[in-house]
């Protein structure tokens, strides 16, 4: 089954276009596997910014129809700082069309931008993880946990085309929000792989401020009651891009970024046996001094929005 899964998933990653057409729980949040042979269509709008992120620092951007300031006439406005892993774009016309070639990890990825009535809020590109198809079934190695993270990302596509491969995966969509001082975390999806006693969490970070927020991906954790479970593996950037200030209302339009992390077993080395239906709270730690972003006397508040 493991070998069969790897073959099918590899095929799906090579046919990236299917990802864009698949239904997801939140159609404005997109994740695409990196494939330099593919042309990615990014839907944008005048009324909101679209944040596009890569796994690490971008080497260069080559643009057409894009400008970095309003004084230069172009259909698309770009917000990018050299050395960052992400940038934001916003349409300036109702029928904006533009392109950006992103140079990352010595490869070029082609992005076509166009105005659409259903724009993307966030687009995250990830590097497909190579999995060990003949690895040990008893020990849960970091490579194995990374493969489970990748399975969770591909779940919507695999469920549609090969439902028998995900029949043993428990899934929940809590859409549970935790409110911190200057940002919000939404627990969007939870996946349980029982054989490995591993849960994978997909979280959305909403930065409600006009400055970048730095957090520790390796310290992401889940609280269930009085118990805290720290991430065994994480796939998150560590930076929440700053929100965009609306010049007409002077209000901050939150940026949206995506992260995944997994917990395996329990802190004492046993099984956690956690159900996806638990009431999970996501713990986020800021870079620098201190641990949790909220004061220790205040736990994150939650709302099912």
Protein backbone atom coordinates (compact mmCIF):
# COMPACT_ATOMS: atom_id res chain seq x y z
CA UNK A 1 0.00 0.00 0.00
CA UNK A 2 2.87 2.38 0.84
CA UNK A 3 4.54 1.78 -2.54
CA UNK A 4 1.25 2.15 -4.39
CA UNK A 5 0.53 5.40 -2.57
CA UNK A 6 3.95 6.81 -3.46
CA UNK A 7 3.50 6.00 -7.16
CA UNK A 8 0.06 7.60 -7.33
CA UNK A 9 1.09 10.68 -5.35
CA UNK A 10 4.15 11.18 -7.54
CA UNK A 11 1.84 11.11 -10.57
CA UNK A 12 -0.43 13.69 -8.95
CA UNK A 13 2.48 16.00 -8.20
CA UNK A 14 3.55 15.86 -11.84
CA UNK A 15 0.03 16.86 -12.94
CA UNK A 16 -0.07 20.04 -10.88
CA UNK A 17 -2.92 21.57 -12.84
CA UNK A 18 -5.34 19.25 -11.09
CA UNK A 19 -4.63 21.00 -7.81
CA UNK A 20 -5.96 24.32 -9.06
CA UNK A 21 -9.22 22.73 -10.15
CA UNK A 22 -9.85 20.73 -6.98
CA UNK A 23 -12.35 21.83 -4.34
CA UNK A 24 -10.98 22.80 -0.94
CA UNK A 25 -12.50 23.91 2.32
CA UNK A 26 -11.32 27.48 1.71
CA UNK A 27 -11.02 28.32 -1.98
CA UNK A 28 -9.13 31.57 -1.33
CA UNK A 29 -6.22 29.76 0.38
CA UNK A 30 -4.08 27.78 -2.06
CA UNK A 31 -1.05 25.52 -1.80
CA UNK A 32 0.77 24.27 -4.89
CA UNK A 33 3.72 21.87 -5.23
CA UNK A 34 6.70 23.46 -6.94
CA UNK A 35 7.17 22.35 -10.56
CA UNK A 36 9.17 24.57 -12.91
CA UNK A 37 7.43 22.93 -15.89
CA UNK A 38 4.06 24.33 -14.87
CA UNK A 39 2.57 27.81 -15.38
CA UNK A 40 0.59 28.92 -12.31
CA UNK A 41 -2.46 31.14 -12.69
CA UNK A 42 -2.89 33.44 -9.69
CA UNK A 43 -6.27 35.13 -9.27
CA UNK A 44 -6.05 38.66 -7.81
CA UNK A 45 -8.36 41.60 -7.10
CA UNK A 46 -8.43 45.36 -6.55
CA UNK A 47 -10.05 45.04 -3.14
CA UNK A 48 -7.45 42.83 -1.44
CA UNK A 49 -3.82 41.81 -1.52
CA UNK A 50 -2.71 38.32 -2.49
CA UNK A 51 0.34 37.07 -0.59
CA UNK A 52 2.54 34.56 -2.42
CA UNK A 53 5.16 32.65 -0.45
CA UNK A 54 8.00 30.22 -1.23
CA UNK A 55 9.76 27.78 1.13
CA UNK A 56 12.75 30.07 1.64
CA UNK A 57 14.37 33.27 0.39
CA UNK A 58 13.57 34.28 -3.20
CA UNK A 59 16.63 34.93 -5.36
CA UNK A 60 15.04 37.30 -7.87
CA UNK A 61 11.81 38.47 -9.49
CA UNK A 62 11.37 39.27 -13.20
CA UNK A 63 8.09 41.07 -13.88
CA UNK A 64 5.88 42.29 -16.73
CA UNK A 65 2.89 44.55 -16.14
CA UNK A 66 3.89 44.96 -12.50
CA UNK A 67 5.10 48.03 -10.61
CA UNK A 68 6.37 48.59 -7.09
CA UNK A 69 4.75 52.02 -6.66
CA UNK A 70 1.58 53.79 -7.70
CA UNK A 71 3.49 56.46 -9.64
CA UNK A 72 4.57 53.88 -12.23
CA UNK A 73 1.58 52.98 -14.37
CA UNK A 74 0.98 49.23 -14.36
CA UNK A 75 -2.07 46.99 -13.95
CA UNK A 76 -0.63 45.23 -10.87
CA UNK A 77 1.01 46.63 -7.72
CA UNK A 78 3.85 44.66 -6.12
CA UNK A 79 4.98 44.77 -2.49
CA UNK A 80 8.32 42.99 -2.12
CA UNK A 81 11.50 43.44 -0.10
CA UNK A 82 14.71 41.88 -1.34
CA UNK A 83 15.72 38.82 0.63
CA UNK A 84 12.20 37.88 1.71
CA UNK A 85 10.54 34.56 0.98
CA UNK A 86 7.20 36.17 0.07
CA UNK A 87 5.63 39.09 -1.78
CA UNK A 88 2.14 40.56 -2.19
CA UNK A 89 0.32 41.70 -5.32
CA UNK A 90 -2.88 43.66 -5.89
CA UNK A 91 -4.77 44.51 -9.09
CA UNK A 92 -5.08 48.19 -9.97
CA UNK A 93 -7.52 47.71 -12.86
CA UNK A 94 -10.63 45.62 -13.35
CA UNK A 95 -9.03 43.58 -16.13
CA UNK A 96 -5.44 43.39 -14.90
CA UNK A 97 -3.12 40.85 -16.54
CA UNK A 98 0.55 40.50 -15.64
CA UNK A 99 3.29 37.97 -15.07
CA UNK A 100 6.06 37.31 -12.56
CA UNK A 101 8.96 34.90 -13.00
CA UNK A 102 10.22 33.84 -9.57
CA UNK A 103 13.81 32.58 -9.32
CA UNK A 104 14.05 30.23 -6.35
CA UNK A 105 16.59 27.52 -5.59
CA UNK A 106 18.22 28.03 -9.02
CA UNK A 107 14.96 27.36 -10.85
CA UNK A 108 12.41 29.70 -12.44
CA UNK A 109 8.70 29.48 -11.71
CA UNK A 110 6.23 31.27 -13.97
CA UNK A 111 3.22 33.01 -12.41
CA UNK A 112 0.42 34.52 -14.52
CA UNK A 113 -1.67 37.11 -12.67
CA UNK A 114 -5.20 38.05 -13.64
CA UNK A 115 -8.17 39.82 -12.05
CA UNK A 116 -10.93 37.50 -10.93
CA UNK A 117 -14.18 37.78 -8.97
CA UNK A 118 -12.94 35.03 -6.63
CA UNK A 119 -9.32 36.04 -5.91
CA UNK A 120 -6.79 34.08 -3.88
CA UNK A 121 -5.96 35.54 -0.46
CA UNK A 122 -2.84 33.44 -0.01
CA UNK A 123 -0.75 31.18 -2.25
CA UNK A 124 1.93 28.96 -0.70
CA UNK A 125 4.34 26.93 -2.79
CA UNK A 126 5.94 23.88 -1.20
CA UNK A 127 8.67 21.49 -2.26
CA UNK A 128 7.38 17.90 -2.60
CA UNK A 129 9.05 15.63 -0.07
CA UNK A 130 10.70 12.48 -1.31
CA UNK A 131 9.49 9.58 0.77
CA UNK A 132 11.09 6.25 1.68
CA UNK A 133 8.56 3.74 0.33
CA UNK A 134 10.27 0.75 1.93
CA UNK A 135 11.05 2.28 5.32
CA UNK A 136 10.35 0.60 8.62
CA UNK A 137 6.69 0.34 9.58
CA UNK A 138 7.47 0.21 13.29
CA UNK A 139 9.65 3.27 13.92
CA UNK A 140 8.14 6.67 13.13
CA UNK A 141 11.16 8.43 11.63
CA UNK A 142 11.32 12.13 10.70
CA UNK A 143 11.18 11.06 7.04
CA UNK A 144 8.01 9.10 7.73
CA UNK A 145 6.40 12.06 9.53
CA UNK A 146 7.31 14.34 6.64
CA UNK A 147 5.56 11.92 4.30
CA UNK A 148 2.44 12.11 6.50
CA UNK A 149 2.61 15.91 6.28
CA UNK A 150 2.72 15.57 2.50
CA UNK A 151 -0.23 13.15 2.54
CA UNK A 152 -2.31 15.67 4.46
CA UNK A 153 -1.54 18.35 1.87
CA UNK A 154 -2.56 16.06 -0.98
CA UNK A 155 -5.65 14.68 0.79
CA UNK A 156 -8.31 16.63 -1.20
CA UNK A 157 -6.92 15.43 -4.53
CA UNK A 158 -6.30 11.84 -3.46
CA UNK A 159 -9.74 11.56 -1.82
CA UNK A 160 -11.42 12.63 -5.07
CA UNK A 161 -9.46 10.38 -7.40
CA UNK A 162 -8.38 7.46 -5.17
CA UNK A 163 -10.70 7.37 -2.12
CA UNK A 164 -9.55 3.88 -1.09
CA UNK A 165 -6.09 5.29 -0.28
CA UNK A 166 -7.43 7.64 2.40
CA UNK A 167 -10.13 5.44 3.88
CA UNK A 168 -8.02 4.89 7.03
CA UNK A 169 -7.36 8.60 7.61
CA UNK A 170 -9.57 10.45 10.12
CA UNK A 171 -10.21 14.08 9.14
CA UNK A 172 -11.89 17.06 10.82
CA UNK A 173 -12.40 20.67 9.72
CA UNK A 174 -12.74 22.60 13.02
CA UNK A 175 -12.39 26.14 11.57
CA UNK A 176 -11.55 27.02 15.16
CA UNK A 177 -10.00 30.43 15.74
CA UNK A 178 -7.61 31.47 18.51
CA UNK A 179 -7.29 35.19 19.09
CA UNK A 180 -3.90 36.56 20.05
CA UNK A 181 -2.96 40.18 20.68
CA UNK A 182 -2.13 41.15 17.10
CA UNK A 183 -2.96 38.09 15.04
CA UNK A 184 -5.43 35.23 14.75
CA UNK A 185 -4.72 31.54 14.24
CA UNK A 186 -7.33 29.34 12.61
CA UNK A 187 -7.13 25.58 12.99
CA UNK A 188 -8.45 24.68 9.54
CA UNK A 189 -7.86 20.94 9.20
CA UNK A 190 -6.80 17.99 11.40
CA UNK A 191 -5.67 14.60 10.06
CA UNK A 192 -5.00 11.48 12.12
CA UNK A 193 -2.79 8.61 10.91
CA UNK A 194 -3.51 5.97 13.51
CA UNK A 195 -0.78 3.46 12.67
CA UNK A 196 1.85 6.15 13.28
CA UNK A 197 -0.13 7.77 16.17
CA UNK A 198 0.40 11.08 14.37
CA UNK A 199 -1.86 14.08 13.87
CA UNK A 200 -1.21 16.69 11.18
CA UNK A 201 -2.61 20.19 11.63
CA UNK A 202 -3.19 22.80 8.94
CA UNK A 203 -3.31 26.31 10.41
CA UNK A 204 -3.95 29.74 8.91
CA UNK A 205 -2.18 32.78 10.34
CA UNK A 206 -4.00 36.12 10.02
CA UNK A 207 -1.71 39.07 10.77
CA UNK A 208 -3.95 41.93 11.94
CA UNK A 209 -1.10 44.43 12.25
CA UNK A 210 0.91 46.55 9.79
CA UNK A 211 4.22 44.91 10.68
CA UNK A 212 5.71 41.47 10.18
CA UNK A 213 5.34 38.99 13.02
CA UNK A 214 8.08 36.40 13.58
CA UNK A 215 7.29 33.12 15.29
CA UNK A 216 9.05 29.80 15.95
CA UNK A 217 7.82 27.04 13.59
CA UNK A 218 9.66 24.40 15.62
CA UNK A 219 7.78 25.47 18.77
CA UNK A 220 4.26 25.20 17.39
CA UNK A 221 2.17 23.12 19.78
CA UNK A 222 -1.31 21.91 20.60
CA UNK A 223 -3.00 22.13 23.98
CA UNK A 224 -5.70 19.61 24.84
CA UNK A 225 -7.04 20.30 28.30
CA UNK A 226 -4.01 20.54 30.57
CA UNK A 227 -1.71 18.62 28.20
CA UNK A 228 0.63 20.27 25.69
CA UNK A 229 1.99 18.41 22.64
CA UNK A 230 4.85 20.02 20.72
CA UNK A 231 5.43 19.64 17.00
CA UNK A 232 7.57 16.70 15.89
CA UNK A 233 7.84 18.22 12.40
CA UNK A 234 6.67 21.57 11.06
CA UNK A 235 6.33 23.14 7.61
CA UNK A 236 5.80 26.82 8.30
CA UNK A 237 7.73 29.92 7.30
CA UNK A 238 8.13 31.57 10.71
CA UNK A 239 6.96 34.93 9.34
CA UNK A 240 3.47 36.37 9.14
CA UNK A 241 3.53 39.06 6.42
CA UNK A 242 2.29 42.47 7.48
CA UNK A 243 -1.32 43.36 6.80
CA UNK A 244 -2.19 45.96 4.17
CA UNK A 245 -3.61 49.30 5.23
CA UNK A 246 -6.68 50.41 3.28
CA UNK A 247 -6.03 54.06 2.38
CA UNK A 248 -9.74 54.87 2.17
CA UNK A 249 -10.69 53.52 5.62
CA UNK A 250 -7.27 53.46 7.33
CA UNK A 251 -8.07 49.91 8.47
CA UNK A 252 -5.69 46.96 8.30
CA UNK A 253 -6.60 44.18 5.87
CA UNK A 254 -5.09 41.07 7.49
CA UNK A 255 -2.55 39.03 5.56
CA UNK A 256 -3.04 35.26 5.44
CA UNK A 257 -0.31 32.62 5.52
CA UNK A 258 -0.43 28.84 5.87
CA UNK A 259 1.47 26.39 8.05
CA UNK A 260 1.45 22.66 8.74
CA UNK A 261 2.82 20.75 11.70
CA UNK A 262 2.55 17.27 13.15
CA UNK A 263 2.56 15.76 16.63
CA UNK A 264 3.55 12.15 17.18
CA UNK A 265 2.99 10.17 20.36
CA UNK A 266 2.87 11.75 23.80
CA UNK A 267 5.49 13.70 25.80
CA UNK A 268 6.22 10.60 27.93
CA UNK A 269 6.99 8.47 24.88
CA UNK A 270 3.71 6.58 24.71
CA UNK A 271 0.80 6.82 22.31
CA UNK A 272 -1.38 9.92 22.40
CA UNK A 273 -4.48 8.25 20.86
CA UNK A 274 -5.94 11.71 20.26
CA UNK A 275 -9.14 11.98 18.26
CA UNK A 276 -9.48 14.63 15.54
CA UNK A 277 -12.67 15.71 17.34
CA UNK A 278 -10.80 17.08 20.36
CA UNK A 279 -11.03 20.78 21.21
CA UNK A 280 -7.49 21.78 20.21
CA UNK A 281 -5.85 25.11 21.02
CA UNK A 282 -2.85 26.14 18.91
CA UNK A 283 0.13 27.58 20.81
CA UNK A 284 2.41 29.98 18.92
CA UNK A 285 5.73 31.29 20.28
CA UNK A 286 7.31 34.55 19.14
CA UNK A 287 10.92 34.77 18.01
CA UNK A 288 13.20 36.32 20.62
CA UNK A 289 12.62 36.45 24.34
CA UNK A 290 9.56 34.92 25.93
CA UNK A 291 7.46 31.97 24.96
CA UNK A 292 3.80 32.41 24.15
CA UNK A 293 2.79 35.61 22.44
CA UNK A 294 -0.08 36.22 24.83
CA UNK A 295 0.72 36.99 28.49
CA UNK A 296 0.92 33.78 30.50
CA UNK A 297 -2.09 34.83 32.54
CA UNK A 298 -4.22 34.97 29.41
CA UNK A 299 -4.89 31.91 27.30
CA UNK A 300 -5.85 32.36 23.65
CA UNK A 301 -9.58 32.79 23.27
CA UNK A 302 -11.39 30.78 20.65
CA UNK A 303 -14.39 31.20 18.41
CA UNK A 304 -15.88 28.89 15.81
CA UNK A 305 -16.12 31.30 12.93
